[in-house]
Amino acid sequence: MKSLDSIPTSKIQRASKLLQTGAKVGVNYLKYYGDKLTKTEEEAKENLNLSNAEDIYDGLKEMKGSALKVAQMLSMEKSILPSAYVEKFSLSQFSVPPLSAPLVLKTFKKYFGKNPNEIFDSFNLESINAASIGQVHQAELKGKKLAVKIQYPGIASSISSDLALVKPIAIKMFNIKGKDSDKYFKEVEQKLIEETDYINEIKQSKEIAQACQHLPNLLFPVYYEDYSSERIITMDWMTGKHLSEFTASNTNQEVANKIGQSLWDFYMYQIHVLKKVHADPHPGNFLVSENDKLIVLDFGCMKEIPNDFYIPYFELAKKKNIDNPIIFKEKLYELEILKPEDTAFEIDFFTNLFHEMLSLFTQPFHQNTFDFSDKTFFGKIADLGERYSKSTELRNMNGNRGSKHFIYINRTFFGLYHLMHDIQANNIIINHFNTF
């Protein structure tokens, strides 16, 4: 893969890149209208999605940073986006063009005042793994293999302007309206800013590793603050298969269940005990070791769960509350899904919508064990998402429903569910975390 000698860092440069991408998308639509004359609607639409996904991803991968992070987040929304976008945007998890060697040296010198070979016994200038915010290099010091993550130049300072550029796209895609929509963008902006603060990431990584070290079949790297800075992190080099590689090749159901149970316990323990969760559950953040243990990487995106959200959110995971119309509606108000100014029609519409959604999404919590390999369950989720994405009634309403905390908590659960399905874990004990 060709490396990058530079990244657009100014607002004008990044806006220009998005405009170029937009122009390509416009051409794709012209082709789509032509295709409709000679092909079926389904074939024409599929070609449009493939072309748009390719061009949008190609533009974002050169920008890196929060623009590419948005693609990474969207790649997890398998029930919302067409498969062409999901497949292409999934590459942003661990396969994007790396920085060139001169740019790596320049970045390293900026934060340490030295070249990497003056600090480490050896340092590979070719990146092993490049993602949305940083890339990883292999180094060695005193016989120990290390992973050195270097943040791309200018990423932290471009977050606010990037989000301003992608905001119109997000508003259209998720039907966000109303004066209070800014609270959602501020939540995303704050989390992205936190992800660029590598000092904070080391602190969070050590805290979670310490708090979860007693959970079975989990491994965490050791972090080295003396060789880290606000834009560079040095940690143990962890050996294993990316979770996506593991799921593609594993044929052992017992191992699948072991990995799946470890992943599920890790998340449930964080959510229900620590009230702070690793809110970036995509395959690039996990490895599977040779002895079938789950290795957890990258704690840049952590979400604290305040009690005033946690309590009503998980009250709505209980079947008895979903089936009680009075309690159900009360919790919808507490979670800002229903609003005091809603019309009778809106109250009825959103109550029914969320009742259908939650009756389905919370099924794992209504049983002692759950089969995450169940295609029927995930098929129903996909069908529900597709049906509401085409709803003209929903499109005409204010789509920004719910507390700002939904953004990352729902992202966590959607990502976790899909990882569990990819693993094909089929006998997961839901409240197993309580035994630790």
Protein backbone atom coordinates (compact mmCIF):
# COMPACT_ATOMS: atom_id res chain seq x y z
CA MET A 1 0.00 0.00 0.00
CA LYS A 2 1.38 3.41 -1.01
CA SER A 3 2.45 5.59 1.92
CA LEU A 4 1.48 9.25 2.41
CA ASP A 5 4.10 12.00 2.40
CA SER A 6 1.62 14.54 3.76
CA ILE A 7 -1.86 14.87 5.22
CA PRO A 8 -4.14 17.88 4.58
CA THR A 9 -4.16 19.68 7.93
CA SER A 10 -5.64 23.14 7.33
CA LYS A 11 -9.38 23.74 7.25
CA ILE A 12 -9.17 24.88 3.61
CA GLN A 13 -7.17 21.82 2.54
CA ARG A 14 -9.56 19.42 4.26
CA ALA A 15 -12.66 21.21 2.96
CA SER A 16 -11.17 21.06 -0.53
CA LYS A 17 -10.67 17.30 -0.21
CA LEU A 18 -14.31 16.84 0.80
CA LEU A 19 -15.46 19.02 -2.12
CA GLN A 20 -13.43 16.87 -4.53
CA THR A 21 -15.06 13.79 -3.05
CA GLY A 22 -18.49 15.39 -3.36
CA ALA A 23 -17.85 16.14 -7.04
CA LYS A 24 -17.05 12.46 -7.68
CA VAL A 25 -20.25 11.43 -5.91
CA GLY A 26 -22.16 13.85 -8.15
CA VAL A 27 -20.72 12.17 -11.26
CA ASN A 28 -21.70 8.77 -9.84
CA TYR A 29 -25.32 9.95 -9.57
CA LEU A 30 -25.29 11.02 -13.22
CA LYS A 31 -24.09 7.52 -14.14
CA TYR A 32 -26.83 6.07 -11.92
CA TYR A 33 -29.54 7.96 -13.79
CA GLY A 34 -28.08 6.66 -17.07
CA ASP A 35 -27.92 3.10 -15.71
CA LYS A 36 -31.62 3.23 -14.82
CA LEU A 37 -32.41 3.46 -18.53
CA THR A 38 -30.66 0.17 -19.36
CA LYS A 39 -30.58 -1.76 -16.07
CA THR A 40 -32.94 -2.70 -13.28
CA GLU A 41 -33.32 -0.28 -10.34
CA GLU A 42 -31.58 -2.80 -8.07
CA GLU A 43 -28.54 -3.15 -10.39
CA ALA A 44 -28.29 0.62 -10.88
CA LYS A 45 -28.51 1.26 -7.13
CA GLU A 46 -25.89 -1.38 -6.37
CA ASN A 47 -23.46 0.21 -8.86
CA LEU A 48 -24.13 3.62 -7.31
CA ASN A 49 -23.44 2.34 -3.80
CA LEU A 50 -20.22 0.62 -4.89
CA SER A 51 -18.93 3.75 -6.67
CA ASN A 52 -19.92 6.11 -3.86
CA ALA A 53 -18.42 3.88 -1.16
CA GLU A 54 -15.15 3.68 -3.09
CA ASP A 55 -14.88 7.42 -3.72
CA ILE A 56 -15.97 8.52 -0.24
CA TYR A 57 -13.55 6.10 1.44
CA ASP A 58 -10.68 7.11 -0.87
CA GLY A 59 -11.23 10.76 0.09
CA LEU A 60 -11.53 10.13 3.82
CA LYS A 61 -8.53 7.80 4.06
CA GLU A 62 -6.21 10.57 2.83
CA MET A 63 -7.68 13.00 5.37
CA LYS A 64 -7.43 10.54 8.26
CA GLY A 65 -8.47 11.81 11.71
CA SER A 66 -12.06 12.43 12.73
CA ALA A 67 -13.31 12.33 9.12
CA LEU A 68 -12.01 8.78 8.77
CA LYS A 69 -13.16 7.95 12.30
CA VAL A 70 -16.73 8.76 11.24
CA ALA A 71 -16.37 6.15 8.46
CA GLN A 72 -15.08 3.68 11.04
CA MET A 73 -18.08 4.35 13.28
CA LEU A 74 -20.48 4.00 10.34
CA SER A 75 -18.89 0.68 9.31
CA MET A 76 -20.35 -0.78 12.51
CA GLU A 77 -23.88 0.28 11.55
CA LYS A 78 -24.54 -2.86 9.52
CA SER A 79 -28.29 -2.46 9.93
CA ILE A 80 -28.32 1.10 8.53
CA LEU A 81 -25.85 1.34 5.65
CA PRO A 82 -25.85 -0.64 2.39
CA SER A 83 -23.31 -3.50 2.43
CA ALA A 84 -21.04 -1.72 -0.10
CA TYR A 85 -20.42 1.08 2.42
CA VAL A 86 -20.00 -1.30 5.37
CA GLU A 87 -17.40 -3.38 3.51
CA LYS A 88 -15.41 -0.39 2.25
CA PHE A 89 -15.62 1.65 5.49
CA SER A 90 -14.57 -1.43 7.49
CA LEU A 91 -11.10 -0.99 5.99
CA SER A 92 -10.74 2.12 8.17
CA GLN A 93 -10.50 -0.16 11.20
CA PHE A 94 -6.99 -1.36 10.41
CA SER A 95 -6.14 -0.88 6.73
CA VAL A 96 -5.42 2.65 5.53
CA PRO A 97 -2.38 4.23 3.80
CA PRO A 98 0.46 4.76 6.32
CA LEU A 99 2.66 7.80 6.76
CA SER A 100 5.93 7.73 4.82
CA ALA A 101 9.22 7.18 6.68
CA PRO A 102 10.29 10.88 6.47
CA LEU A 103 6.97 11.98 7.98
CA VAL A 104 7.31 9.39 10.77
CA LEU A 105 10.80 10.69 11.62
CA LYS A 106 9.59 14.30 11.56
CA THR A 107 6.71 13.49 13.91
CA PHE A 108 8.96 11.54 16.29
CA LYS A 109 11.55 14.31 16.40
CA LYS A 110 8.85 16.86 17.20
CA TYR A 111 7.78 15.10 20.41
CA PHE A 112 11.02 13.55 21.64
CA GLY A 113 13.69 15.75 20.10
CA LYS A 114 15.33 12.55 18.85
CA ASN A 115 14.97 10.03 16.06
CA PRO A 116 13.44 6.68 17.12
CA ASN A 117 16.75 4.83 16.61
CA GLU A 118 18.29 7.08 19.28
CA ILE A 119 15.73 5.80 21.81
CA PHE A 120 15.11 2.18 20.79
CA ASP A 121 17.60 -0.55 19.89
CA SER A 122 15.65 -1.03 16.67
CA PHE A 123 12.67 0.68 15.07
CA ASN A 124 10.82 -0.34 11.91
CA LEU A 125 9.99 2.80 9.91
CA GLU A 126 7.35 0.86 7.99
CA SER A 127 4.09 0.84 9.86
CA ILE A 128 2.61 -2.55 10.79
CA ASN A 129 -0.91 -1.19 11.18
CA ALA A 130 -2.47 2.12 10.11
CA ALA A 131 -5.93 3.29 11.20
CA SER A 132 -7.93 6.51 11.48
CA ILE A 133 -6.03 8.49 14.12
CA GLY A 134 -2.62 6.83 14.31
CA GLN A 135 -0.37 4.05 13.04
CA VAL A 136 1.67 1.40 14.82
CA HIS A 137 5.37 0.57 14.39
CA GLN A 138 7.37 -2.30 15.83
CA ALA A 139 10.41 -1.48 17.97
CA GLU A 140 12.75 -3.32 20.29
CA LEU A 141 14.46 -2.26 23.51
CA LYS A 142 16.58 -4.44 25.78
CA GLY A 143 15.31 -7.59 24.13
CA LYS A 144 11.63 -6.65 24.49
CA LYS A 145 9.37 -6.17 21.47
CA LEU A 146 7.33 -2.98 21.62
CA ALA A 147 4.47 -1.39 19.70
CA VAL A 148 4.86 2.35 19.12
CA LYS A 149 1.67 4.17 18.10
CA ILE A 150 2.22 7.52 16.39
CA GLN A 151 -0.64 9.97 15.90
CA TYR A 152 -1.01 11.56 12.48
CA PRO A 153 0.10 15.22 12.30
CA GLY A 154 -2.59 17.87 12.68
CA ILE A 155 -5.35 15.42 13.61
CA ALA A 156 -6.09 16.83 17.07
CA SER A 157 -6.33 20.43 15.83
CA SER A 158 -8.65 19.59 12.92
CA ILE A 159 -11.40 17.77 14.87
CA SER A 160 -13.79 20.70 15.27
CA SER A 161 -13.49 21.84 11.66
CA ASP A 162 -13.80 18.24 10.39
CA LEU A 163 -17.03 17.73 12.29
CA ALA A 164 -18.38 21.02 10.97
CA LEU A 165 -17.68 19.70 7.45
CA VAL A 166 -19.35 16.31 7.97
CA LYS A 167 -22.22 17.70 10.07
CA PRO A 168 -24.53 18.34 7.07
CA ILE A 169 -24.01 14.75 5.89
CA ALA A 170 -24.77 13.35 9.36
CA ILE A 171 -27.86 15.55 9.72
CA LYS A 172 -29.24 14.21 6.46
CA MET A 173 -28.26 10.59 7.10
CA PHE A 174 -29.71 10.41 10.62
CA ASN A 175 -32.59 12.88 10.13
CA ILE A 176 -31.39 15.20 12.89
CA LYS A 177 -33.43 18.38 13.33
CA GLY A 178 -34.14 20.94 16.01
CA LYS A 179 -32.18 23.40 18.12
CA ASP A 180 -30.83 20.81 20.55
CA SER A 181 -29.00 18.78 17.89
CA ASP A 182 -25.68 20.38 18.89
CA LYS A 183 -25.54 18.25 22.06
CA TYR A 184 -24.95 15.14 19.93
CA PHE A 185 -22.16 16.71 17.90
CA LYS A 186 -20.55 18.09 21.07
CA GLU A 187 -20.57 14.58 22.54
CA VAL A 188 -18.82 13.16 19.46
CA GLU A 189 -16.38 16.07 19.36
CA GLN A 190 -15.46 15.63 23.03
CA LYS A 191 -14.83 11.90 22.59
CA LEU A 192 -12.68 12.46 19.49
CA ILE A 193 -10.62 15.09 21.34
CA GLU A 194 -10.11 12.58 24.16
CA GLU A 195 -8.96 9.96 21.64
CA THR A 196 -6.16 12.25 20.46
CA ASP A 197 -4.86 12.75 24.01
CA TYR A 198 -2.45 9.84 24.34
CA ILE A 199 -1.48 10.76 27.92
CA ASN A 200 -5.14 10.29 28.85
CA GLU A 201 -5.29 7.04 26.86
CA ILE A 202 -2.36 5.57 28.82
CA LYS A 203 -4.08 6.54 32.08
CA GLN A 204 -7.36 4.93 30.97
CA SER A 205 -5.60 1.84 29.63
CA LYS A 206 -3.81 1.19 32.91
CA GLU A 207 -6.99 1.77 34.94
CA ILE A 208 -9.10 -0.67 32.89
CA ALA A 209 -6.36 -3.29 32.69
CA GLN A 210 -5.96 -3.14 36.46
CA ALA A 211 -9.72 -3.27 37.12
CA CYS A 212 -10.32 -6.17 34.70
CA GLN A 213 -7.17 -8.26 35.18
CA HIS A 214 -9.09 -10.82 37.27
CA LEU A 215 -11.49 -11.63 34.42
CA PRO A 216 -10.58 -14.95 32.75
CA ASN A 217 -8.98 -15.28 29.30
CA LEU A 218 -8.15 -11.59 28.90
CA LEU A 219 -4.74 -10.07 28.17
CA PHE A 220 -3.66 -6.41 28.14
CA PRO A 221 -0.37 -4.81 27.04
CA VAL A 222 1.90 -3.00 29.51
CA TYR A 223 2.29 0.71 28.74
CA TYR A 224 5.59 2.63 29.02
CA GLU A 225 5.14 6.27 29.99
CA ASP A 226 8.87 7.07 29.71
CA TYR A 227 8.66 6.37 25.97
CA SER A 228 5.29 8.02 25.40
CA SER A 229 3.98 11.56 24.93
CA GLU A 230 0.71 13.32 24.13
CA ARG A 231 0.95 12.03 20.53
CA ILE A 232 3.03 8.84 20.85
CA ILE A 233 2.32 5.69 22.91
CA THR A 234 4.74 2.85 23.57
CA MET A 235 3.39 -0.47 24.83
CA ASP A 236 4.14 -4.19 24.73
CA TRP A 237 3.98 -5.82 21.33
CA MET A 238 1.08 -8.26 21.54
CA THR A 239 1.09 -11.28 19.23
CA GLY A 240 -2.15 -12.69 17.89
CA LYS A 241 -4.67 -12.70 15.06
CA HIS A 242 -6.92 -9.73 14.49
CA LEU A 243 -10.40 -10.69 15.60
CA SER A 244 -11.64 -10.48 12.00
CA GLU A 245 -8.92 -12.95 10.91
CA PHE A 246 -9.88 -15.26 13.75
CA THR A 247 -13.58 -15.21 12.88
CA ALA A 248 -12.82 -15.86 9.21
CA SER A 249 -10.73 -18.97 9.91
CA ASN A 250 -11.97 -20.47 13.20
CA THR A 251 -13.93 -23.74 12.96
CA ASN A 252 -13.79 -24.71 16.65
CA GLN A 253 -17.10 -23.91 18.37
CA GLU A 254 -15.63 -24.38 21.85
CA VAL A 255 -12.96 -21.76 21.13
CA ALA A 256 -15.57 -19.42 19.61
CA ASN A 257 -17.63 -19.67 22.79
CA LYS A 258 -14.56 -19.12 24.98
CA ILE A 259 -13.59 -15.94 23.11
CA GLY A 260 -17.20 -14.78 22.94
CA GLN A 261 -17.76 -15.29 26.68
CA SER A 262 -14.54 -13.41 27.50
CA LEU A 263 -15.60 -10.49 25.29
CA TRP A 264 -19.11 -10.42 26.74
CA ASP A 265 -17.88 -10.61 30.36
CA PHE A 266 -15.37 -7.83 29.70
CA TYR A 267 -18.11 -5.51 28.46
CA MET A 268 -20.73 -6.40 31.06
CA TYR A 269 -18.21 -5.95 33.89
CA GLN A 270 -17.23 -2.50 32.61
CA ILE A 271 -20.82 -1.38 32.09
CA HIS A 272 -22.42 -2.72 35.26
CA VAL A 273 -19.52 -2.57 37.73
CA LEU A 274 -17.10 0.13 36.53
CA LYS A 275 -19.79 2.29 34.86
CA LYS A 276 -17.16 3.18 32.28
CA VAL A 277 -16.83 1.27 29.03
CA HIS A 278 -14.47 0.73 26.09
CA ALA A 279 -16.81 2.33 23.52
CA ASP A 280 -14.92 1.29 20.39
CA PRO A 281 -15.77 -2.40 19.88
CA HIS A 282 -14.49 -3.06 16.37
CA PRO A 283 -12.28 -6.00 15.25
CA GLY A 284 -9.13 -3.90 14.90
CA ASN A 285 -9.06 -3.34 18.67
CA PHE A 286 -8.87 -7.03 19.57
CA LEU A 287 -6.45 -9.89 18.96
CA VAL A 288 -6.75 -13.59 19.72
CA SER A 289 -3.57 -15.13 21.15
CA GLU A 290 -2.12 -18.54 20.25
CA ASN A 291 -3.58 -20.01 23.44
CA ASP A 292 -7.04 -18.58 22.65
CA LYS A 293 -7.07 -15.57 24.95
CA LEU A 294 -8.61 -12.24 24.02
CA ILE A 295 -6.12 -9.37 23.81
CA VAL A 296 -7.66 -5.91 24.25
CA LEU A 297 -5.98 -2.92 22.61
CA ASP A 298 -6.57 0.83 22.31
CA PHE A 299 -8.42 2.49 25.19
CA GLY A 300 -8.64 5.93 23.61
CA CYS A 301 -12.44 5.91 23.45
CA MET A 302 -13.89 5.34 26.93
CA LYS A 303 -17.42 6.36 27.87
CA GLU A 304 -18.48 7.07 31.45
CA ILE A 305 -22.08 6.06 32.21
CA PRO A 306 -23.80 8.42 34.67
CA ASN A 307 -26.40 6.89 36.98
CA ASP A 308 -29.22 9.11 35.72
CA PHE A 309 -28.76 7.42 32.32
CA TYR A 310 -27.63 3.96 33.45
CA ILE A 311 -30.68 3.31 35.66
CA PRO A 312 -33.51 4.02 33.18
CA TYR A 313 -31.50 2.56 30.26
CA PHE A 314 -31.16 -0.84 31.91
CA GLU A 315 -34.63 -0.66 33.46
CA LEU A 316 -35.79 -0.77 29.84
CA ALA A 317 -33.78 -3.93 29.26
CA LYS A 318 -36.14 -5.79 31.62
CA LYS A 319 -39.03 -7.55 29.90
CA LYS A 320 -41.50 -6.76 32.71
CA ASN A 321 -40.88 -3.03 32.18
CA ILE A 322 -41.11 -3.26 28.40
CA ASP A 323 -44.47 -4.99 28.84
CA ASN A 324 -45.75 -2.39 31.34
CA PRO A 325 -47.07 0.60 29.32
CA ILE A 326 -46.94 3.05 32.25
CA ILE A 327 -43.35 2.25 33.32
CA PHE A 328 -42.22 1.99 29.69
CA LYS A 329 -43.46 5.48 28.82
CA GLU A 330 -42.04 6.90 32.07
CA LYS A 331 -38.56 5.60 31.18
CA LEU A 332 -38.84 7.01 27.64
CA TYR A 333 -39.31 10.46 29.16
CA GLU A 334 -36.38 9.96 31.55
CA LEU A 335 -34.16 9.04 28.59
CA GLU A 336 -35.37 12.08 26.57
CA ILE A 337 -36.86 9.84 23.88
CA LEU A 338 -40.26 11.37 24.55
CA LYS A 339 -40.41 15.14 25.16
CA PRO A 340 -42.95 17.30 27.03
CA GLU A 341 -43.71 19.26 23.85
CA ASP A 342 -44.53 16.15 21.78
CA THR A 343 -47.93 15.91 20.13
CA ALA A 344 -50.23 12.97 20.86
CA PHE A 345 -49.31 11.53 17.46
CA GLU A 346 -45.56 11.81 18.19
CA ILE A 347 -45.96 10.21 21.63
CA ASP A 348 -47.87 7.29 20.14
CA PHE A 349 -45.50 6.92 17.16
CA PHE A 350 -42.24 6.93 19.14
CA THR A 351 -43.65 4.80 21.97
CA ASN A 352 -44.60 2.10 19.45
CA LEU A 353 -41.31 2.45 17.55
CA PHE A 354 -39.13 2.08 20.65
CA HIS A 355 -41.31 -0.68 22.05
CA GLU A 356 -40.73 -2.71 18.89
CA MET A 357 -37.00 -1.91 18.85
CA LEU A 358 -36.36 -2.64 22.53
CA SER A 359 -38.47 -5.81 22.51
CA LEU A 360 -36.03 -7.10 19.90
CA PHE A 361 -32.67 -5.60 20.94
CA THR A 362 -32.98 -6.60 24.60
CA GLN A 363 -33.74 -10.29 23.93
CA PRO A 364 -30.27 -11.43 25.10
CA PHE A 365 -31.03 -9.96 28.55
CA HIS A 366 -34.29 -11.90 28.90
CA GLN A 367 -32.52 -15.28 28.94
CA ASN A 368 -29.84 -16.99 31.00
CA THR A 369 -27.89 -17.88 27.86
CA PHE A 370 -28.03 -16.50 24.33
CA ASP A 371 -27.06 -17.71 20.87
CA PHE A 372 -25.31 -14.83 19.11
CA SER A 373 -24.85 -16.95 16.00
CA ASP A 374 -28.63 -16.87 15.46
CA LYS A 375 -29.15 -15.51 11.93
CA THR A 376 -32.86 -15.02 12.57
CA PHE A 377 -32.21 -12.56 15.44
CA PHE A 378 -29.76 -10.47 13.39
CA GLY A 379 -31.99 -10.73 10.33
CA LYS A 380 -34.84 -9.18 12.32
CA ILE A 381 -32.55 -6.34 13.44
CA ALA A 382 -31.53 -5.69 9.81
CA ASP A 383 -35.17 -5.81 8.64
CA LEU A 384 -36.26 -3.41 11.38
CA GLY A 385 -33.48 -0.96 10.49
CA GLU A 386 -34.33 -1.13 6.80
CA ARG A 387 -38.05 -0.66 7.40
CA TYR A 388 -37.61 2.44 9.56
CA SER A 389 -34.94 3.88 7.24
CA LYS A 390 -37.63 3.93 4.52
CA SER A 391 -40.38 5.29 6.79
CA THR A 392 -41.73 8.55 5.37
CA GLU A 393 -43.43 9.27 8.71
CA LEU A 394 -40.12 9.03 10.56
CA ARG A 395 -38.35 11.12 7.92
CA ASN A 396 -40.83 13.94 8.46
CA MET A 397 -40.26 13.99 12.22
CA ASN A 398 -37.47 15.23 14.43
CA GLY A 399 -34.96 12.37 14.43
CA ASN A 400 -32.77 13.54 17.32
CA ARG A 401 -34.40 11.53 20.09
CA GLY A 402 -32.79 10.54 23.34
CA SER A 403 -30.03 11.51 25.72
CA LYS A 404 -26.61 12.37 24.30
CA HIS A 405 -25.30 9.29 26.14
CA PHE A 406 -27.14 7.06 23.65
CA ILE A 407 -24.55 7.81 20.95
CA TYR A 408 -21.68 5.88 22.50
CA ILE A 409 -23.66 3.40 24.60
CA ASN A 410 -25.72 2.30 21.60
CA ARG A 411 -22.55 2.24 19.51
CA THR A 412 -21.00 -0.03 22.14
CA PHE A 413 -23.92 -2.46 22.10
CA PHE A 414 -24.30 -2.50 18.31
CA GLY A 415 -20.58 -3.14 17.94
CA LEU A 416 -20.56 -5.78 20.66
CA TYR A 417 -23.58 -7.63 19.22
CA HIS A 418 -22.01 -7.74 15.77
CA LEU A 419 -18.65 -8.90 17.12
CA MET A 420 -20.41 -11.67 19.03
CA HIS A 421 -22.24 -12.66 15.84
CA ASP A 422 -19.00 -12.62 13.82
CA ILE A 423 -17.38 -14.86 16.44
CA GLN A 424 -20.43 -17.18 16.16
CA ALA A 425 -20.62 -17.58 19.93
CA ASN A 426 -23.73 -19.63 20.66
CA ASN A 427 -23.88 -20.43 24.37
CA ILE A 428 -23.10 -17.18 26.17
CA ILE A 429 -24.01 -16.88 29.86
CA ILE A 430 -25.45 -13.38 30.04
CA ASN A 431 -24.80 -12.59 33.72
CA HIS A 432 -21.58 -14.57 34.02
CA PHE A 433 -19.70 -11.37 34.97
CA ASN A 434 -21.49 -11.45 38.35
CA THR A 435 -19.35 -14.41 39.40
CA PHE A 436 -16.18 -12.28 39.47
